[in-house]
Amino acid sequence: MTPHVMAEIRSEQGQVVRTYQPTVWLRPTSAATAGQVTQLMVGVVQGGTASNVALPGVQVAAKTGTAQTVGNALDNNWLVAFAPAAHPTIAVAVVVPAQPGLGSNPTGSATAGPIARAVLAAALGVKGS
């Protein structure tokens, strides 16, 4: 959407004079590409590195990551997710910085996954998660 800083203009008496109407600015990707990426992210939850983010009765899409930092043994672990995958109502990004790396094997799924899952479950009202 086109960036803006106002929602409306009001007169001295408080009457709405003009309301901002959002307009499309740019399209980052096609609907077909977004659909393909979504299905790949669903696969990451259904049988990949983010399987610990799955919620009962809700199709979750997620991507995990571990960013190795230069010059030290600490990794930044992350996970992004959205749900329900077909018509998202929530998106979450979790970054857990400065985790021991180089052999101790923490991953975005292991450290950020449980946090993301808890946020998704709470936002969607999924019980018993």
N, C-alpha and C. Protein backbone atom coordinates (compact mmCIF):
# COMPACT_ATOMS: atom_id res chain seq x y z
N MET A 1 0.84 -1.18 0.00
CA MET A 1 0.00 0.00 0.00
C MET A 1 0.89 1.24 0.00
N THR A 2 0.33 2.33 -0.49
CA THR A 2 1.07 3.59 -0.50
C THR A 2 1.29 4.06 0.93
N PRO A 3 2.53 4.38 1.29
CA PRO A 3 2.79 4.87 2.66
C PRO A 3 2.05 6.18 2.92
N HIS A 4 1.57 6.34 4.14
CA HIS A 4 0.89 7.58 4.53
C HIS A 4 1.01 7.76 6.04
N VAL A 5 0.78 8.97 6.52
CA VAL A 5 0.87 9.24 7.95
C VAL A 5 -0.42 9.78 8.54
N MET A 6 -1.46 9.89 7.76
CA MET A 6 -2.72 10.41 8.30
C MET A 6 -3.87 9.49 7.97
N ALA A 7 -4.87 9.51 8.82
CA ALA A 7 -6.08 8.73 8.57
C ALA A 7 -7.20 9.63 8.07
N GLU A 8 -7.22 10.87 8.60
CA GLU A 8 -8.28 11.79 8.19
C GLU A 8 -7.90 13.23 8.53
N ILE A 9 -8.61 14.15 7.91
CA ILE A 9 -8.46 15.58 8.21
C ILE A 9 -9.77 16.06 8.81
N ARG A 10 -9.68 16.83 9.90
CA ARG A 10 -10.88 17.34 10.58
C ARG A 10 -10.87 18.86 10.60
N SER A 11 -12.06 19.44 10.59
CA SER A 11 -12.20 20.89 10.69
C SER A 11 -12.01 21.33 12.14
N GLU A 12 -12.02 22.63 12.37
CA GLU A 12 -11.88 23.16 13.74
C GLU A 12 -13.03 22.70 14.63
N GLN A 13 -14.17 22.36 14.04
CA GLN A 13 -15.33 21.90 14.81
C GLN A 13 -15.32 20.38 15.00
N GLY A 14 -14.28 19.72 14.52
CA GLY A 14 -14.18 18.27 14.69
C GLY A 14 -14.86 17.45 13.61
N GLN A 15 -15.38 18.10 12.58
CA GLN A 15 -16.04 17.39 11.47
C GLN A 15 -14.98 16.78 10.54
N VAL A 16 -15.22 15.57 10.09
CA VAL A 16 -14.31 14.94 9.14
C VAL A 16 -14.45 15.63 7.79
N VAL A 17 -13.35 16.20 7.31
CA VAL A 17 -13.32 16.90 6.03
C VAL A 17 -12.88 15.95 4.92
N ARG A 18 -11.90 15.13 5.22
CA ARG A 18 -11.38 14.20 4.22
C ARG A 18 -10.84 12.96 4.94
N THR A 19 -11.11 11.79 4.37
CA THR A 19 -10.61 10.53 4.91
C THR A 19 -9.63 9.94 3.91
N TYR A 20 -8.52 9.43 4.42
CA TYR A 20 -7.53 8.80 3.57
C TYR A 20 -8.06 7.46 3.07
N GLN A 21 -7.95 7.22 1.78
CA GLN A 21 -8.34 5.96 1.19
C GLN A 21 -7.07 5.23 0.75
N PRO A 22 -6.78 4.07 1.30
CA PRO A 22 -5.56 3.36 0.92
C PRO A 22 -5.56 2.99 -0.56
N THR A 23 -4.39 3.06 -1.16
CA THR A 23 -4.24 2.69 -2.56
C THR A 23 -3.05 1.74 -2.71
N VAL A 24 -3.14 0.89 -3.71
CA VAL A 24 -2.05 -0.05 -3.98
C VAL A 24 -0.89 0.72 -4.58
N TRP A 25 0.29 0.47 -4.05
CA TRP A 25 1.50 1.13 -4.54
C TRP A 25 2.28 0.17 -5.43
N LEU A 26 2.71 -0.94 -4.85
CA LEU A 26 3.45 -1.95 -5.58
C LEU A 26 2.96 -3.34 -5.21
N ARG A 27 3.15 -4.29 -6.09
CA ARG A 27 2.86 -5.68 -5.80
C ARG A 27 4.19 -6.42 -5.70
N PRO A 28 4.50 -6.96 -4.52
CA PRO A 28 5.81 -7.60 -4.33
C PRO A 28 5.99 -8.90 -5.10
N THR A 29 4.89 -9.60 -5.35
CA THR A 29 4.97 -10.87 -6.07
C THR A 29 3.60 -11.20 -6.65
N SER A 30 3.55 -12.16 -7.52
CA SER A 30 2.27 -12.56 -8.10
C SER A 30 1.52 -13.47 -7.12
N ALA A 31 0.23 -13.59 -7.32
CA ALA A 31 -0.58 -14.48 -6.48
C ALA A 31 -0.12 -15.93 -6.66
N ALA A 32 0.27 -16.30 -7.86
CA ALA A 32 0.73 -17.67 -8.11
C ALA A 32 2.00 -17.97 -7.34
N THR A 33 2.95 -17.05 -7.36
CA THR A 33 4.20 -17.25 -6.62
C THR A 33 3.94 -17.29 -5.12
N ALA A 34 3.10 -16.39 -4.63
CA ALA A 34 2.76 -16.39 -3.20
C ALA A 34 2.12 -17.71 -2.80
N GLY A 35 1.27 -18.26 -3.64
CA GLY A 35 0.63 -19.54 -3.36
C GLY A 35 1.64 -20.68 -3.30
N GLN A 36 2.61 -20.66 -4.21
CA GLN A 36 3.64 -21.69 -4.21
C GLN A 36 4.50 -21.61 -2.95
N VAL A 37 4.88 -20.39 -2.58
CA VAL A 37 5.69 -20.21 -1.37
C VAL A 37 4.91 -20.66 -0.14
N THR A 38 3.63 -20.33 -0.09
CA THR A 38 2.79 -20.75 1.04
C THR A 38 2.77 -22.27 1.14
N GLN A 39 2.59 -22.96 0.03
CA GLN A 39 2.54 -24.43 0.07
C GLN A 39 3.87 -25.02 0.52
N LEU A 40 4.97 -24.42 0.09
CA LEU A 40 6.29 -24.87 0.55
C LEU A 40 6.43 -24.67 2.06
N MET A 41 5.94 -23.52 2.55
CA MET A 41 6.02 -23.25 3.99
C MET A 41 5.10 -24.19 4.79
N VAL A 42 3.96 -24.56 4.23
CA VAL A 42 3.10 -25.54 4.88
C VAL A 42 3.84 -26.88 4.97
N GLY A 43 4.56 -27.23 3.92
CA GLY A 43 5.34 -28.47 3.92
C GLY A 43 6.41 -28.48 4.99
N VAL A 44 6.99 -27.31 5.29
CA VAL A 44 8.00 -27.21 6.34
C VAL A 44 7.40 -27.56 7.70
N VAL A 45 6.12 -27.25 7.88
CA VAL A 45 5.44 -27.57 9.14
C VAL A 45 4.95 -29.02 9.13
N GLN A 46 4.44 -29.48 7.99
CA GLN A 46 3.87 -30.83 7.93
C GLN A 46 4.91 -31.94 7.98
N GLY A 47 6.12 -31.66 7.54
CA GLY A 47 7.11 -32.73 7.55
C GLY A 47 8.54 -32.25 7.45
N GLY A 48 8.77 -31.03 7.88
CA GLY A 48 10.11 -30.47 7.78
C GLY A 48 10.63 -29.96 9.09
N THR A 49 11.46 -28.95 9.00
CA THR A 49 12.16 -28.44 10.18
C THR A 49 11.26 -27.71 11.18
N ALA A 50 10.05 -27.34 10.78
CA ALA A 50 9.15 -26.62 11.69
C ALA A 50 7.97 -27.46 12.14
N SER A 51 8.15 -28.77 12.18
CA SER A 51 7.03 -29.64 12.55
C SER A 51 6.55 -29.39 13.99
N ASN A 52 7.41 -28.83 14.84
CA ASN A 52 7.01 -28.55 16.22
C ASN A 52 6.12 -27.31 16.34
N VAL A 53 5.83 -26.65 15.22
CA VAL A 53 4.97 -25.47 15.22
C VAL A 53 3.53 -25.83 14.83
N ALA A 54 3.30 -27.07 14.42
CA ALA A 54 1.97 -27.51 13.99
C ALA A 54 0.95 -27.34 15.11
N LEU A 55 -0.27 -26.98 14.71
CA LEU A 55 -1.38 -26.82 15.65
C LEU A 55 -2.52 -27.74 15.21
N PRO A 56 -3.22 -28.35 16.16
CA PRO A 56 -4.34 -29.23 15.79
C PRO A 56 -5.46 -28.43 15.13
N GLY A 57 -5.89 -28.90 13.96
CA GLY A 57 -7.02 -28.28 13.27
C GLY A 57 -6.71 -27.00 12.54
N VAL A 58 -5.44 -26.57 12.49
CA VAL A 58 -5.07 -25.32 11.82
C VAL A 58 -3.87 -25.59 10.92
N GLN A 59 -3.98 -25.20 9.66
CA GLN A 59 -2.84 -25.34 8.76
C GLN A 59 -1.92 -24.14 8.95
N VAL A 60 -0.70 -24.42 9.40
CA VAL A 60 0.29 -23.39 9.69
C VAL A 60 1.36 -23.43 8.60
N ALA A 61 1.82 -22.26 8.18
CA ALA A 61 2.94 -22.13 7.25
C ALA A 61 4.09 -21.49 8.00
N ALA A 62 5.31 -22.04 7.84
CA ALA A 62 6.45 -21.50 8.59
C ALA A 62 7.75 -21.72 7.84
N LYS A 63 8.76 -20.95 8.22
CA LYS A 63 10.12 -21.09 7.72
C LYS A 63 11.06 -20.86 8.89
N THR A 64 12.03 -21.76 9.05
CA THR A 64 13.00 -21.64 10.12
C THR A 64 14.32 -21.14 9.57
N GLY A 65 15.18 -20.70 10.48
CA GLY A 65 16.49 -20.28 10.05
C GLY A 65 17.46 -20.19 11.20
N THR A 66 18.73 -20.37 10.86
CA THR A 66 19.81 -20.20 11.82
C THR A 66 20.88 -19.37 11.13
N ALA A 67 21.09 -18.15 11.60
CA ALA A 67 22.07 -17.26 11.00
C ALA A 67 23.36 -17.33 11.80
N GLN A 68 24.39 -17.85 11.18
CA GLN A 68 25.68 -17.94 11.84
C GLN A 68 26.34 -16.57 11.81
N THR A 69 26.79 -16.13 12.97
CA THR A 69 27.42 -14.82 13.06
C THR A 69 28.92 -14.95 12.82
N VAL A 70 29.49 -13.92 12.28
CA VAL A 70 30.91 -13.92 11.95
C VAL A 70 31.74 -13.65 13.20
N GLY A 71 32.78 -14.42 13.38
CA GLY A 71 33.73 -14.13 14.44
C GLY A 71 33.41 -14.69 15.81
N ASN A 72 32.26 -15.32 15.97
CA ASN A 72 32.01 -15.96 17.27
C ASN A 72 31.17 -17.20 17.09
N ALA A 73 30.92 -17.89 18.15
CA ALA A 73 30.21 -19.17 18.08
C ALA A 73 28.74 -19.03 18.44
N LEU A 74 28.20 -17.84 18.31
CA LEU A 74 26.79 -17.63 18.65
C LEU A 74 25.97 -17.47 17.37
N ASP A 75 24.83 -18.14 17.33
CA ASP A 75 23.93 -18.08 16.18
C ASP A 75 22.67 -17.31 16.53
N ASN A 76 22.09 -16.68 15.54
CA ASN A 76 20.78 -16.07 15.69
C ASN A 76 19.76 -17.03 15.09
N ASN A 77 18.87 -17.55 15.92
CA ASN A 77 17.87 -18.52 15.48
C ASN A 77 16.54 -17.81 15.30
N TRP A 78 15.83 -18.15 14.23
CA TRP A 78 14.57 -17.45 13.94
C TRP A 78 13.55 -18.38 13.32
N LEU A 79 12.31 -17.93 13.35
CA LEU A 79 11.21 -18.63 12.72
C LEU A 79 10.14 -17.60 12.38
N VAL A 80 9.61 -17.67 11.16
CA VAL A 80 8.46 -16.86 10.77
C VAL A 80 7.33 -17.82 10.44
N ALA A 81 6.11 -17.43 10.78
CA ALA A 81 4.96 -18.30 10.54
C ALA A 81 3.70 -17.46 10.38
N PHE A 82 2.72 -18.06 9.69
CA PHE A 82 1.39 -17.45 9.62
C PHE A 82 0.34 -18.54 9.57
N ALA A 83 -0.88 -18.18 9.99
CA ALA A 83 -1.96 -19.16 10.06
C ALA A 83 -3.31 -18.45 10.11
N PRO A 84 -4.36 -19.10 9.70
CA PRO A 84 -4.38 -20.29 8.87
C PRO A 84 -3.71 -20.00 7.52
N ALA A 85 -3.04 -20.99 6.97
CA ALA A 85 -2.21 -20.77 5.79
C ALA A 85 -3.00 -20.21 4.61
N ALA A 86 -4.22 -20.70 4.38
CA ALA A 86 -5.00 -20.27 3.22
C ALA A 86 -5.53 -18.84 3.35
N HIS A 87 -5.87 -18.44 4.56
CA HIS A 87 -6.41 -17.10 4.81
C HIS A 87 -5.88 -16.61 6.16
N PRO A 88 -4.64 -16.14 6.17
CA PRO A 88 -3.99 -15.80 7.45
C PRO A 88 -4.71 -14.69 8.22
N THR A 89 -4.78 -14.90 9.52
CA THR A 89 -5.27 -13.85 10.42
C THR A 89 -4.17 -13.42 11.38
N ILE A 90 -3.08 -14.18 11.42
CA ILE A 90 -1.93 -13.82 12.26
C ILE A 90 -0.63 -14.22 11.57
N ALA A 91 0.35 -13.36 11.74
CA ALA A 91 1.72 -13.66 11.30
C ALA A 91 2.63 -13.34 12.47
N VAL A 92 3.67 -14.15 12.64
CA VAL A 92 4.58 -13.95 13.75
C VAL A 92 6.01 -14.19 13.27
N ALA A 93 6.92 -13.39 13.80
CA ALA A 93 8.35 -13.59 13.56
C ALA A 93 9.03 -13.60 14.92
N VAL A 94 9.81 -14.64 15.16
CA VAL A 94 10.52 -14.78 16.43
C VAL A 94 12.01 -14.91 16.14
N VAL A 95 12.81 -14.08 16.78
CA VAL A 95 14.26 -14.16 16.67
C VAL A 95 14.82 -14.38 18.07
N VAL A 96 15.64 -15.40 18.21
CA VAL A 96 16.31 -15.69 19.47
C VAL A 96 17.81 -15.51 19.20
N PRO A 97 18.36 -14.34 19.56
CA PRO A 97 19.75 -14.05 19.21
C PRO A 97 20.76 -14.73 20.14
N ALA A 98 21.96 -14.78 19.64
CA ALA A 98 23.14 -15.18 20.42
C ALA A 98 23.00 -16.52 21.11
N GLN A 99 22.64 -17.54 20.33
CA GLN A 99 22.54 -18.90 20.86
C GLN A 99 23.84 -19.64 20.58
N PRO A 100 24.27 -20.52 21.48
CA PRO A 100 25.50 -21.27 21.24
C PRO A 100 25.39 -22.06 19.94
N GLY A 101 26.41 -21.98 19.12
CA GLY A 101 26.41 -22.69 17.84
C GLY A 101 27.58 -23.64 17.76
N LEU A 102 28.00 -23.90 16.54
CA LEU A 102 29.17 -24.74 16.26
C LEU A 102 29.16 -26.04 17.04
N GLY A 103 28.21 -26.89 16.74
CA GLY A 103 28.20 -28.21 17.33
C GLY A 103 27.15 -28.43 18.39
N SER A 104 26.71 -27.38 19.07
CA SER A 104 25.67 -27.59 20.08
C SER A 104 24.30 -27.74 19.42
N ASN A 105 24.20 -27.34 18.15
CA ASN A 105 23.07 -27.61 17.27
C ASN A 105 21.73 -27.01 17.68
N PRO A 106 21.66 -25.81 18.25
CA PRO A 106 20.35 -25.19 18.40
C PRO A 106 19.90 -24.70 17.03
N THR A 107 18.62 -24.73 16.78
CA THR A 107 18.10 -24.30 15.49
C THR A 107 16.96 -23.32 15.70
N GLY A 108 16.56 -22.67 14.61
CA GLY A 108 15.41 -21.78 14.68
C GLY A 108 14.18 -22.51 15.16
N SER A 109 14.02 -23.75 14.71
CA SER A 109 12.87 -24.54 15.12
C SER A 109 12.92 -24.87 16.61
N ALA A 110 14.09 -25.25 17.08
CA ALA A 110 14.22 -25.68 18.48
C ALA A 110 14.06 -24.52 19.45
N THR A 111 14.61 -23.35 19.12
CA THR A 111 14.57 -22.24 20.07
C THR A 111 13.41 -21.28 19.82
N ALA A 112 13.17 -20.93 18.56
CA ALA A 112 12.10 -19.96 18.25
C ALA A 112 10.76 -20.64 18.02
N GLY A 113 10.77 -21.91 17.63
CA GLY A 113 9.54 -22.63 17.32
C GLY A 113 8.52 -22.68 18.45
N PRO A 114 8.92 -23.07 19.66
CA PRO A 114 7.94 -23.12 20.75
C PRO A 114 7.33 -21.76 21.07
N ILE A 115 8.11 -20.71 20.92
CA ILE A 115 7.58 -19.36 21.17
C ILE A 115 6.54 -19.02 20.11
N ALA A 116 6.89 -19.24 18.85
CA ALA A 116 5.96 -18.94 17.75
C ALA A 116 4.68 -19.76 17.89
N ARG A 117 4.82 -21.03 18.22
CA ARG A 117 3.65 -21.91 18.38
C ARG A 117 2.73 -21.40 19.48
N ALA A 118 3.30 -20.98 20.59
CA ALA A 118 2.49 -20.47 21.71
C ALA A 118 1.75 -19.20 21.31
N VAL A 119 2.40 -18.32 20.57
CA VAL A 119 1.75 -17.08 20.13
C VAL A 119 0.62 -17.40 19.16
N LEU A 120 0.88 -18.28 18.18
CA LEU A 120 -0.15 -18.66 17.21
C LEU A 120 -1.34 -19.31 17.92
N ALA A 121 -1.08 -20.23 18.82
CA ALA A 121 -2.16 -20.92 19.54
C ALA A 121 -3.00 -19.94 20.34
N ALA A 122 -2.35 -19.02 21.03
CA ALA A 122 -3.09 -18.04 21.84
C ALA A 122 -3.92 -17.12 20.96
N ALA A 123 -3.34 -16.66 19.86
CA ALA A 123 -4.06 -15.73 18.98
C ALA A 123 -5.23 -16.41 18.28
N LEU A 124 -5.10 -17.69 17.98
CA LEU A 124 -6.16 -18.41 17.27
C LEU A 124 -7.10 -19.15 18.21
N GLY A 125 -6.82 -19.10 19.50
CA GLY A 125 -7.69 -19.76 20.48
C GLY A 125 -7.64 -21.28 20.41
N VAL A 126 -6.49 -21.82 20.04
CA VAL A 126 -6.34 -23.27 19.96
C VAL A 126 -6.03 -23.79 21.36
N LYS A 127 -6.90 -24.63 21.86
CA LYS A 127 -6.75 -25.19 23.21
C LYS A 127 -5.93 -26.46 23.19
N GLY A 128 -5.28 -26.76 24.29
CA GLY A 128 -4.55 -28.00 24.42
C GLY A 128 -3.28 -28.04 23.59
N SER A 129 -2.74 -26.88 23.27
CA SER A 129 -1.53 -26.83 22.43
C SER A 129 -0.29 -26.70 23.26
